[in-house]
Amino acid sequence: MSVSSYLELKEHVGHQIECVMYGGVNVSVVCDTCHVVLLDFDDESEQ
């Protein structure tokens, strides 16, 4: 699940953030500090 508001995202200001790919079909922006997925998208062309 990803964050859904300004306040939820603001909690991660100053944290270590990374963009990662999972299985070649999903790209996610992850907070490495909290181990929380901030945003993610699946490759819809694969479905």
PDB file of N, CA and C in Angstrom:
ATOM      1  N   MET A   1       0.844  -1.182   0.000  1.00  0.00           N
ATOM      2  CA  MET A   1       0.000   0.000   0.000  1.00  0.00           C
ATOM      3  C   MET A   1       0.886   1.240   0.000  1.00  0.00           C
ATOM      4  N   SER A   2       0.451   2.259  -0.684  1.00  0.00           N
ATOM      5  CA  SER A   2       1.251   3.474  -0.754  1.00  0.00           C
ATOM      6  C   SER A   2       0.594   4.585   0.069  1.00  0.00           C
ATOM      7  N   VAL A   3       1.341   5.657   0.264  1.00  0.00           N
ATOM      8  CA  VAL A   3       0.795   6.792   1.005  1.00  0.00           C
ATOM      9  C   VAL A   3      -0.285   7.456   0.167  1.00  0.00           C
ATOM     10  N   SER A   4      -1.221   8.129   0.839  1.00  0.00           N
ATOM     11  CA  SER A   4      -2.336   8.708   0.096  1.00  0.00           C
ATOM     12  C   SER A   4      -2.631  10.153   0.474  1.00  0.00           C
ATOM     13  N   SER A   5      -1.701  10.791   1.194  1.00  0.00           N
ATOM     14  CA  SER A   5      -1.950  12.185   1.547  1.00  0.00           C
ATOM     15  C   SER A   5      -0.640  12.932   1.765  1.00  0.00           C
ATOM     16  N   TYR A   6      -0.759  14.229   1.783  1.00  0.00           N
ATOM     17  CA  TYR A   6       0.373  15.111   2.053  1.00  0.00           C
ATOM     18  C   TYR A   6       1.005  14.774   3.402  1.00  0.00           C
ATOM     19  N   LEU A   7       0.181  14.614   4.431  1.00  0.00           N
ATOM     20  CA  LEU A   7       0.711  14.360   5.775  1.00  0.00           C
ATOM     21  C   LEU A   7       1.450  13.026   5.860  1.00  0.00           C
ATOM     22  N   GLU A   8       0.925  11.988   5.195  1.00  0.00           N
ATOM     23  CA  GLU A   8       1.612  10.684   5.194  1.00  0.00           C
ATOM     24  C   GLU A   8       2.964  10.780   4.500  1.00  0.00           C
ATOM     25  N   LEU A   9       3.024  11.503   3.380  1.00  0.00           N
ATOM     26  CA  LEU A   9       4.277  11.652   2.656  1.00  0.00           C
ATOM     27  C   LEU A   9       5.255  12.524   3.432  1.00  0.00           C
ATOM     28  N   LYS A  10       4.748  13.572   4.075  1.00  0.00           N
ATOM     29  CA  LYS A  10       5.592  14.490   4.839  1.00  0.00           C
ATOM     30  C   LYS A  10       6.362  13.765   5.938  1.00  0.00           C
ATOM     31  N   GLU A  11       5.806  12.678   6.474  1.00  0.00           N
ATOM     32  CA  GLU A  11       6.474  11.900   7.524  1.00  0.00           C
ATOM     33  C   GLU A  11       7.826  11.345   7.067  1.00  0.00           C
ATOM     34  N   HIS A  12       8.059  11.288   5.754  1.00  0.00           N
ATOM     35  CA  HIS A  12       9.274  10.684   5.217  1.00  0.00           C
ATOM     36  C   HIS A  12      10.316  11.708   4.753  1.00  0.00           C
ATOM     37  N   VAL A  13      10.041  12.995   4.968  1.00  0.00           N
ATOM     38  CA  VAL A  13      11.011  14.039   4.615  1.00  0.00           C
ATOM     39  C   VAL A  13      12.303  13.796   5.394  1.00  0.00           C
ATOM     40  N   GLY A  14      13.420  13.785   4.682  1.00  0.00           N
ATOM     41  CA  GLY A  14      14.724  13.580   5.296  1.00  0.00           C
ATOM     42  C   GLY A  14      15.135  12.119   5.385  1.00  0.00           C
ATOM     43  N   HIS A  15      14.232  11.211   4.998  1.00  0.00           N
ATOM     44  CA  HIS A  15      14.557   9.783   5.027  1.00  0.00           C
ATOM     45  C   HIS A  15      15.300   9.372   3.757  1.00  0.00           C
ATOM     46  N   GLN A  16      15.858   8.181   3.774  1.00  0.00           N
ATOM     47  CA  GLN A  16      16.518   7.608   2.598  1.00  0.00           C
ATOM     48  C   GLN A  16      15.445   7.024   1.689  1.00  0.00           C
ATOM     49  N   ILE A  17      15.317   7.568   0.471  1.00  0.00           N
ATOM     50  CA  ILE A  17      14.288   7.159  -0.485  1.00  0.00           C
ATOM     51  C   ILE A  17      14.973   6.501  -1.678  1.00  0.00           C
ATOM     52  N   GLU A  18      14.335   5.435  -2.207  1.00  0.00           N
ATOM     53  CA  GLU A  18      14.913   4.691  -3.320  1.00  0.00           C
ATOM     54  C   GLU A  18      13.816   4.315  -4.309  1.00  0.00           C
ATOM     55  N   CYS A  19      14.162   4.264  -5.590  1.00  0.00           N
ATOM     56  CA  CYS A  19      13.263   3.789  -6.637  1.00  0.00           C
ATOM     57  C   CYS A  19      13.739   2.403  -7.053  1.00  0.00           C
ATOM     58  N   VAL A  20      12.875   1.400  -6.925  1.00  0.00           N
ATOM     59  CA  VAL A  20      13.272   0.020  -7.185  1.00  0.00           C
ATOM     60  C   VAL A  20      12.295  -0.662  -8.135  1.00  0.00           C
ATOM     61  N   MET A  21      12.788  -1.712  -8.815  1.00  0.00           N
ATOM     62  CA  MET A  21      11.952  -2.509  -9.708  1.00  0.00           C
ATOM     63  C   MET A  21      11.819  -3.903  -9.119  1.00  0.00           C
ATOM     64  N   TYR A  22      10.595  -4.422  -9.137  1.00  0.00           N
ATOM     65  CA  TYR A  22      10.325  -5.762  -8.634  1.00  0.00           C
ATOM     66  C   TYR A  22       9.832  -6.643  -9.778  1.00  0.00           C
ATOM     67  N   GLY A  23      10.547  -7.716 -10.041  1.00  0.00           N
ATOM     68  CA  GLY A  23      10.118  -8.693 -11.029  1.00  0.00           C
ATOM     69  C   GLY A  23       9.963  -8.179 -12.439  1.00  0.00           C
ATOM     70  N   GLY A  24      10.506  -7.020 -12.727  1.00  0.00           N
ATOM     71  CA  GLY A  24      10.401  -6.464 -14.075  1.00  0.00           C
ATOM     72  C   GLY A  24       9.008  -5.956 -14.417  1.00  0.00           C
ATOM     73  N   VAL A  25       8.071  -6.005 -13.466  1.00  0.00           N
ATOM     74  CA  VAL A  25       6.700  -5.599 -13.758  1.00  0.00           C
ATOM     75  C   VAL A  25       6.161  -4.542 -12.804  1.00  0.00           C
ATOM     76  N   ASN A  26       6.955  -4.127 -11.830  1.00  0.00           N
ATOM     77  CA  ASN A  26       6.510  -3.121 -10.864  1.00  0.00           C
ATOM     78  C   ASN A  26       7.670  -2.202 -10.532  1.00  0.00           C
ATOM     79  N   VAL A  27       7.388  -0.903 -10.508  1.00  0.00           N
ATOM     80  CA  VAL A  27       8.364   0.083 -10.071  1.00  0.00           C
ATOM     81  C   VAL A  27       7.786   0.784  -8.846  1.00  0.00           C
ATOM     82  N   SER A  28       8.606   0.884  -7.796  1.00  0.00           N
ATOM     83  CA  SER A  28       8.138   1.458  -6.539  1.00  0.00           C
ATOM     84  C   SER A  28       9.117   2.489  -6.008  1.00  0.00           C
ATOM     85  N   VAL A  29       8.579   3.523  -5.368  1.00  0.00           N
ATOM     86  CA  VAL A  29       9.372   4.474  -4.605  1.00  0.00           C
ATOM     87  C   VAL A  29       9.223   4.040  -3.154  1.00  0.00           C
ATOM     88  N   VAL A  30      10.364   3.684  -2.526  1.00  0.00           N
ATOM     89  CA  VAL A  30      10.355   3.070  -1.206  1.00  0.00           C
ATOM     90  C   VAL A  30      11.154   3.920  -0.222  1.00  0.00           C
ATOM     91  N   CYS A  31      10.636   4.064   0.994  1.00  0.00           N
ATOM     92  CA  CYS A  31      11.378   4.697   2.076  1.00  0.00           C
ATOM     93  C   CYS A  31      12.218   3.606   2.731  1.00  0.00           C
ATOM     94  N   ASP A  32      13.524   3.647   2.515  1.00  0.00           N
ATOM     95  CA  ASP A  32      14.420   2.649   3.102  1.00  0.00           C
ATOM     96  C   ASP A  32      14.530   2.814   4.611  1.00  0.00           C
ATOM     97  N   THR A  33      14.275   4.004   5.109  1.00  0.00           N
ATOM     98  CA  THR A  33      14.344   4.258   6.538  1.00  0.00           C
ATOM     99  C   THR A  33      13.220   3.520   7.271  1.00  0.00           C
ATOM    100  N   CYS A  34      12.013   3.591   6.722  1.00  0.00           N
ATOM    101  CA  CYS A  34      10.828   3.003   7.367  1.00  0.00           C
ATOM    102  C   CYS A  34      10.376   1.691   6.734  1.00  0.00           C
ATOM    103  N   HIS A  35      10.959   1.348   5.571  1.00  0.00           N
ATOM    104  CA  HIS A  35      10.543   0.156   4.821  1.00  0.00           C
ATOM    105  C   HIS A  35       9.073   0.240   4.430  1.00  0.00           C
ATOM    106  N   VAL A  36       8.696   1.418   3.886  1.00  0.00           N
ATOM    107  CA  VAL A  36       7.324   1.680   3.458  1.00  0.00           C
ATOM    108  C   VAL A  36       7.336   2.020   1.971  1.00  0.00           C
ATOM    109  N   VAL A  37       6.405   1.438   1.220  1.00  0.00           N
ATOM    110  CA  VAL A  37       6.225   1.800  -0.179  1.00  0.00           C
ATOM    111  C   VAL A  37       5.451   3.113  -0.218  1.00  0.00           C
ATOM    112  N   LEU A  38       6.061   4.131  -0.826  1.00  0.00           N
ATOM    113  CA  LEU A  38       5.431   5.441  -0.907  1.00  0.00           C
ATOM    114  C   LEU A  38       4.561   5.561  -2.146  1.00  0.00           C
ATOM    115  N   LEU A  39       4.979   4.912  -3.233  1.00  0.00           N
ATOM    116  CA  LEU A  39       4.279   4.996  -4.508  1.00  0.00           C
ATOM    117  C   LEU A  39       4.674   3.790  -5.326  1.00  0.00           C
ATOM    118  N   ASP A  40       3.731   3.170  -6.041  1.00  0.00           N
ATOM    119  CA  ASP A  40       4.117   2.061  -6.916  1.00  0.00           C
ATOM    120  C   ASP A  40       3.170   1.955  -8.103  1.00  0.00           C
ATOM    121  N   PHE A  41       3.740   1.460  -9.199  1.00  0.00           N
ATOM    122  CA  PHE A  41       2.988   1.245 -10.422  1.00  0.00           C
ATOM    123  C   PHE A  41       3.387  -0.085 -11.046  1.00  0.00           C
ATOM    124  N   ASP A  42       2.390  -0.823 -11.551  1.00  0.00           N
ATOM    125  CA  ASP A  42       2.648  -2.035 -12.314  1.00  0.00           C
ATOM    126  C   ASP A  42       2.740  -1.681 -13.784  1.00  0.00           C
ATOM    127  N   ASP A  43       3.510  -2.479 -14.533  1.00  0.00           N
ATOM    128  CA  ASP A  43       3.604  -2.303 -15.987  1.00  0.00           C
ATOM    129  C   ASP A  43       2.337  -2.889 -16.595  1.00  0.00           C
ATOM    130  N   GLU A  44       1.417  -2.025 -16.974  1.00  0.00           N
ATOM    131  CA  GLU A  44       0.133  -2.471 -17.500  1.00  0.00           C
ATOM    132  C   GLU A  44       0.251  -3.130 -18.857  1.00  0.00           C
ATOM    133  N   SER A  45       1.333  -2.917 -19.584  1.00  0.00           N
ATOM    134  CA  SER A  45       1.506  -3.562 -20.882  1.00  0.00           C
ATOM    135  C   SER A  45       1.759  -5.059 -20.726  1.00  0.00           C
ATOM    136  N   GLU A  46       2.117  -5.501 -19.527  1.00  0.00           N
ATOM    137  CA  GLU A  46       2.380  -6.927 -19.256  1.00  0.00           C
ATOM    138  C   GLU A  46       1.103  -7.680 -18.882  1.00  0.00           C
ATOM    139  N   GLN A  47      -0.006  -6.971 -18.687  1.00  0.00           N
ATOM    140  CA  GLN A  47      -1.227  -7.642 -18.230  1.00  0.00           C
ATOM    141  C   GLN A  47      -2.138  -8.009 -19.359  1.00  0.00           C
TER     142      GLN A  47
END
